[in-house]
Amino acid sequence: MSVEKRQHERQAAVLAVSFELAGERIEVRTRDISLGGMFLMTDRVVPYGTAVKFTIALPHLAEPATVDGVIRWIDPDGLGVQFGTLRVRETWAINQLLKR
């Protein structure tokens, strides 16, 4: 039996995300998002525990948001990211998205 460990509700969402890895800008899309993190659809391998600064286009925000995150799981479809501390505007925008 699988026990769900997530603390935050996830919402399916396809959002544009970019980040830099070894000096290369990587463009990806989310599969889902929550206040705790997001899943990025990519075949790019990023080591577990890698800290990354992400730029994400969130609905309800005029400008893309920059958020800190850490790679917390890897599977064939992509990467699971745990957010660091979110600012108020990012928290608000993600909550608006989760209300859909």
N, C-alpha and C. Protein backbone atom coordinates (compact mmCIF):
# COMPACT_ATOMS: atom_id res chain seq x y z
N MET A 1 0.84 -1.17 0.00
CA MET A 1 0.00 0.00 0.00
C MET A 1 0.89 1.24 0.00
N SER A 2 0.60 2.18 -0.88
CA SER A 2 1.37 3.41 -0.99
C SER A 2 0.74 4.49 -0.12
N VAL A 3 1.56 5.19 0.64
CA VAL A 3 1.09 6.27 1.49
C VAL A 3 1.59 7.57 0.90
N GLU A 4 0.67 8.48 0.62
CA GLU A 4 1.01 9.78 0.05
C GLU A 4 1.70 10.63 1.12
N LYS A 5 2.89 11.15 0.82
CA LYS A 5 3.66 11.94 1.77
C LYS A 5 3.54 13.44 1.51
N ARG A 6 2.86 13.83 0.46
CA ARG A 6 2.78 15.25 0.11
C ARG A 6 1.97 16.04 1.13
N GLN A 7 2.43 17.24 1.41
CA GLN A 7 1.74 18.12 2.35
C GLN A 7 0.81 19.08 1.62
N HIS A 8 1.01 19.24 0.31
CA HIS A 8 0.26 20.25 -0.44
C HIS A 8 -0.47 19.61 -1.62
N GLU A 9 -1.67 20.12 -1.88
CA GLU A 9 -2.48 19.67 -3.00
C GLU A 9 -1.79 20.02 -4.32
N ARG A 10 -1.76 19.06 -5.25
CA ARG A 10 -1.18 19.31 -6.57
C ARG A 10 -2.28 19.65 -7.57
N GLN A 11 -1.93 20.44 -8.55
CA GLN A 11 -2.84 20.80 -9.63
C GLN A 11 -2.12 20.54 -10.95
N ALA A 12 -2.77 19.80 -11.85
CA ALA A 12 -2.19 19.62 -13.18
C ALA A 12 -2.08 21.00 -13.83
N ALA A 13 -0.94 21.30 -14.38
CA ALA A 13 -0.71 22.60 -15.01
C ALA A 13 0.50 22.50 -15.92
N VAL A 14 0.35 23.05 -17.10
CA VAL A 14 1.48 23.12 -18.04
C VAL A 14 1.92 24.57 -18.08
N LEU A 15 3.07 24.83 -17.44
CA LEU A 15 3.62 26.18 -17.34
C LEU A 15 5.05 26.18 -17.84
N ALA A 16 5.46 27.29 -18.44
CA ALA A 16 6.84 27.42 -18.93
C ALA A 16 7.79 27.67 -17.77
N VAL A 17 8.87 26.89 -17.74
CA VAL A 17 9.90 27.02 -16.71
C VAL A 17 11.26 26.99 -17.39
N SER A 18 12.20 27.77 -16.87
CA SER A 18 13.58 27.69 -17.36
C SER A 18 14.51 27.71 -16.16
N PHE A 19 15.70 27.16 -16.38
CA PHE A 19 16.73 27.18 -15.36
C PHE A 19 18.08 26.98 -16.03
N GLU A 20 19.15 27.32 -15.31
CA GLU A 20 20.50 27.14 -15.84
C GLU A 20 21.15 25.97 -15.16
N LEU A 21 21.86 25.19 -15.97
CA LEU A 21 22.61 24.05 -15.46
C LEU A 21 23.93 24.02 -16.20
N ALA A 22 25.01 24.14 -15.48
CA ALA A 22 26.36 24.15 -16.06
C ALA A 22 26.46 25.20 -17.17
N GLY A 23 25.89 26.38 -16.93
CA GLY A 23 25.96 27.47 -17.88
C GLY A 23 25.02 27.38 -19.06
N GLU A 24 24.20 26.34 -19.13
CA GLU A 24 23.24 26.17 -20.24
C GLU A 24 21.84 26.49 -19.74
N ARG A 25 21.12 27.30 -20.51
CA ARG A 25 19.72 27.61 -20.18
C ARG A 25 18.84 26.48 -20.70
N ILE A 26 18.03 25.92 -19.82
CA ILE A 26 17.17 24.79 -20.16
C ILE A 26 15.71 25.23 -20.04
N GLU A 27 14.94 25.00 -21.08
CA GLU A 27 13.52 25.35 -21.14
C GLU A 27 12.71 24.07 -21.00
N VAL A 28 11.78 24.03 -20.05
CA VAL A 28 10.94 22.86 -19.82
C VAL A 28 9.51 23.30 -19.53
N ARG A 29 8.64 22.34 -19.29
CA ARG A 29 7.24 22.60 -18.91
C ARG A 29 6.93 21.81 -17.65
N THR A 30 6.00 22.34 -16.86
CA THR A 30 5.53 21.61 -15.69
C THR A 30 4.46 20.61 -16.10
N ARG A 31 4.31 19.56 -15.30
CA ARG A 31 3.18 18.65 -15.43
C ARG A 31 2.16 18.97 -14.34
N ASP A 32 2.68 19.33 -13.17
CA ASP A 32 1.81 19.73 -12.06
C ASP A 32 2.60 20.65 -11.13
N ILE A 33 1.83 21.29 -10.24
CA ILE A 33 2.45 22.24 -9.32
C ILE A 33 1.65 22.25 -8.02
N SER A 34 2.32 22.59 -6.93
CA SER A 34 1.68 22.79 -5.63
C SER A 34 2.47 23.85 -4.90
N LEU A 35 2.04 24.18 -3.69
CA LEU A 35 2.82 25.12 -2.90
C LEU A 35 4.15 24.53 -2.46
N GLY A 36 4.27 23.21 -2.53
CA GLY A 36 5.50 22.55 -2.12
C GLY A 36 6.50 22.34 -3.23
N GLY A 37 6.04 22.34 -4.49
CA GLY A 37 6.97 22.10 -5.58
C GLY A 37 6.27 21.89 -6.91
N MET A 38 7.01 21.32 -7.85
CA MET A 38 6.47 21.11 -9.19
C MET A 38 7.18 19.92 -9.83
N PHE A 39 6.52 19.34 -10.84
CA PHE A 39 7.14 18.28 -11.62
C PHE A 39 7.46 18.85 -12.99
N LEU A 40 8.70 18.70 -13.43
CA LEU A 40 9.14 19.21 -14.72
C LEU A 40 9.28 18.06 -15.71
N MET A 41 8.62 18.19 -16.85
CA MET A 41 8.71 17.18 -17.90
C MET A 41 9.97 17.43 -18.72
N THR A 42 10.91 16.51 -18.62
CA THR A 42 12.17 16.64 -19.33
C THR A 42 12.90 15.30 -19.35
N ASP A 43 13.75 15.13 -20.34
CA ASP A 43 14.60 13.95 -20.35
C ASP A 43 16.00 14.29 -19.83
N ARG A 44 16.17 15.53 -19.41
CA ARG A 44 17.43 16.00 -18.87
C ARG A 44 17.67 15.38 -17.50
N VAL A 45 18.86 14.89 -17.26
CA VAL A 45 19.20 14.31 -15.96
C VAL A 45 19.88 15.39 -15.12
N VAL A 46 19.30 15.64 -13.96
CA VAL A 46 19.87 16.57 -12.99
C VAL A 46 19.99 15.78 -11.69
N PRO A 47 21.17 15.74 -11.10
CA PRO A 47 21.37 14.92 -9.90
C PRO A 47 20.44 15.28 -8.75
N TYR A 48 20.03 14.26 -8.01
CA TYR A 48 19.24 14.43 -6.80
C TYR A 48 19.98 15.39 -5.86
N GLY A 49 19.23 16.31 -5.28
CA GLY A 49 19.82 17.24 -4.31
C GLY A 49 20.39 18.50 -4.92
N THR A 50 20.37 18.62 -6.25
CA THR A 50 20.89 19.82 -6.90
C THR A 50 19.99 21.01 -6.60
N ALA A 51 20.57 22.08 -6.10
CA ALA A 51 19.84 23.33 -5.86
C ALA A 51 19.84 24.15 -7.14
N VAL A 52 18.66 24.62 -7.53
CA VAL A 52 18.52 25.34 -8.80
C VAL A 52 17.61 26.54 -8.59
N LYS A 53 17.88 27.62 -9.32
CA LYS A 53 17.00 28.79 -9.35
C LYS A 53 16.18 28.69 -10.64
N PHE A 54 14.85 28.65 -10.48
CA PHE A 54 13.93 28.47 -11.60
C PHE A 54 13.21 29.77 -11.92
N THR A 55 12.95 30.00 -13.20
CA THR A 55 12.08 31.08 -13.64
C THR A 55 10.81 30.43 -14.16
N ILE A 56 9.66 30.82 -13.62
CA ILE A 56 8.40 30.17 -13.96
C ILE A 56 7.34 31.21 -14.30
N ALA A 57 6.63 30.96 -15.40
CA ALA A 57 5.55 31.85 -15.83
C ALA A 57 4.28 31.41 -15.12
N LEU A 58 3.90 32.14 -14.09
CA LEU A 58 2.69 31.81 -13.34
C LEU A 58 1.53 32.69 -13.80
N PRO A 59 0.37 32.08 -14.07
CA PRO A 59 -0.80 32.90 -14.38
C PRO A 59 -1.04 33.88 -13.23
N HIS A 60 -1.62 35.00 -13.50
CA HIS A 60 -1.94 36.04 -12.52
C HIS A 60 -0.75 36.91 -12.16
N LEU A 61 0.44 36.61 -12.69
CA LEU A 61 1.59 37.49 -12.47
C LEU A 61 2.02 38.08 -13.81
N ALA A 62 2.28 39.37 -13.81
CA ALA A 62 2.67 40.05 -15.06
C ALA A 62 4.07 39.63 -15.52
N GLU A 63 4.94 39.31 -14.59
CA GLU A 63 6.32 38.94 -14.90
C GLU A 63 6.59 37.52 -14.41
N PRO A 64 7.47 36.80 -15.09
CA PRO A 64 7.84 35.47 -14.58
C PRO A 64 8.45 35.57 -13.18
N ALA A 65 8.19 34.57 -12.38
CA ALA A 65 8.71 34.53 -11.01
C ALA A 65 10.01 33.74 -10.98
N THR A 66 10.90 34.12 -10.08
CA THR A 66 12.13 33.38 -9.85
C THR A 66 12.01 32.72 -8.48
N VAL A 67 12.16 31.39 -8.47
CA VAL A 67 12.03 30.64 -7.21
C VAL A 67 13.20 29.69 -7.07
N ASP A 68 13.58 29.46 -5.83
CA ASP A 68 14.63 28.48 -5.53
C ASP A 68 13.98 27.12 -5.36
N GLY A 69 14.71 26.08 -5.76
CA GLY A 69 14.22 24.74 -5.57
C GLY A 69 15.36 23.74 -5.52
N VAL A 70 15.01 22.52 -5.12
CA VAL A 70 15.97 21.43 -5.03
C VAL A 70 15.37 20.22 -5.73
N ILE A 71 16.16 19.53 -6.53
CA ILE A 71 15.70 18.31 -7.20
C ILE A 71 15.54 17.23 -6.13
N ARG A 72 14.30 16.71 -6.00
CA ARG A 72 14.01 15.74 -4.95
C ARG A 72 13.65 14.36 -5.48
N TRP A 73 13.30 14.25 -6.75
CA TRP A 73 13.13 12.92 -7.34
C TRP A 73 13.32 13.00 -8.83
N ILE A 74 13.69 11.86 -9.38
CA ILE A 74 13.98 11.75 -10.81
C ILE A 74 13.27 10.51 -11.31
N ASP A 75 12.56 10.63 -12.42
CA ASP A 75 11.99 9.44 -13.05
C ASP A 75 12.09 9.61 -14.56
N PRO A 76 11.73 8.60 -15.34
CA PRO A 76 11.90 8.69 -16.80
C PRO A 76 11.17 9.86 -17.45
N ASP A 77 10.10 10.36 -16.81
CA ASP A 77 9.33 11.47 -17.38
C ASP A 77 9.86 12.84 -17.01
N GLY A 78 10.72 12.92 -15.99
CA GLY A 78 11.22 14.23 -15.61
C GLY A 78 11.76 14.31 -14.21
N LEU A 79 11.62 15.52 -13.64
CA LEU A 79 12.24 15.87 -12.36
C LEU A 79 11.21 16.42 -11.39
N GLY A 80 11.29 15.99 -10.15
CA GLY A 80 10.48 16.56 -9.09
C GLY A 80 11.27 17.61 -8.35
N VAL A 81 10.68 18.78 -8.19
CA VAL A 81 11.35 19.91 -7.55
C VAL A 81 10.61 20.26 -6.27
N GLN A 82 11.36 20.42 -5.19
CA GLN A 82 10.81 20.95 -3.94
C GLN A 82 11.19 22.42 -3.88
N PHE A 83 10.19 23.29 -3.69
CA PHE A 83 10.47 24.71 -3.58
C PHE A 83 11.17 25.03 -2.28
N GLY A 84 12.01 26.08 -2.34
CA GLY A 84 12.53 26.69 -1.13
C GLY A 84 11.44 27.61 -0.59
N THR A 85 11.82 28.64 0.12
CA THR A 85 10.84 29.59 0.64
C THR A 85 10.27 30.42 -0.51
N LEU A 86 8.95 30.41 -0.63
CA LEU A 86 8.27 31.21 -1.65
C LEU A 86 7.94 32.59 -1.09
N ARG A 87 8.04 33.59 -1.94
CA ARG A 87 7.63 34.93 -1.55
C ARG A 87 6.10 35.00 -1.59
N VAL A 88 5.55 36.07 -1.05
CA VAL A 88 4.10 36.23 -0.97
C VAL A 88 3.46 36.20 -2.36
N ARG A 89 4.04 36.88 -3.33
CA ARG A 89 3.40 36.94 -4.66
C ARG A 89 3.38 35.58 -5.35
N GLU A 90 4.43 34.79 -5.20
CA GLU A 90 4.43 33.45 -5.79
C GLU A 90 3.43 32.54 -5.08
N THR A 91 3.39 32.65 -3.76
CA THR A 91 2.41 31.86 -2.98
C THR A 91 1.00 32.21 -3.42
N TRP A 92 0.70 33.49 -3.56
CA TRP A 92 -0.62 33.94 -3.99
C TRP A 92 -0.94 33.40 -5.38
N ALA A 93 -0.01 33.52 -6.33
CA ALA A 93 -0.26 33.08 -7.71
C ALA A 93 -0.47 31.57 -7.79
N ILE A 94 0.29 30.80 -7.03
CA ILE A 94 0.09 29.34 -7.03
C ILE A 94 -1.26 29.01 -6.40
N ASN A 95 -1.62 29.69 -5.33
CA ASN A 95 -2.94 29.46 -4.73
C ASN A 95 -4.07 29.78 -5.71
N GLN A 96 -3.93 30.82 -6.50
CA GLN A 96 -4.95 31.15 -7.50
C GLN A 96 -5.06 30.01 -8.52
N LEU A 97 -3.93 29.46 -8.92
CA LEU A 97 -3.91 28.35 -9.86
C LEU A 97 -4.58 27.11 -9.25
N LEU A 98 -4.35 26.86 -7.99
CA LEU A 98 -4.91 25.68 -7.32
C LEU A 98 -6.43 25.78 -7.15
N LYS A 99 -6.96 27.00 -7.19
CA LYS A 99 -8.42 27.20 -7.05
C LYS A 99 -9.19 26.76 -8.30
N ARG A 100 -8.50 26.60 -9.43
CA ARG A 100 -9.19 26.23 -10.67
C ARG A 100 -9.88 24.91 -10.54
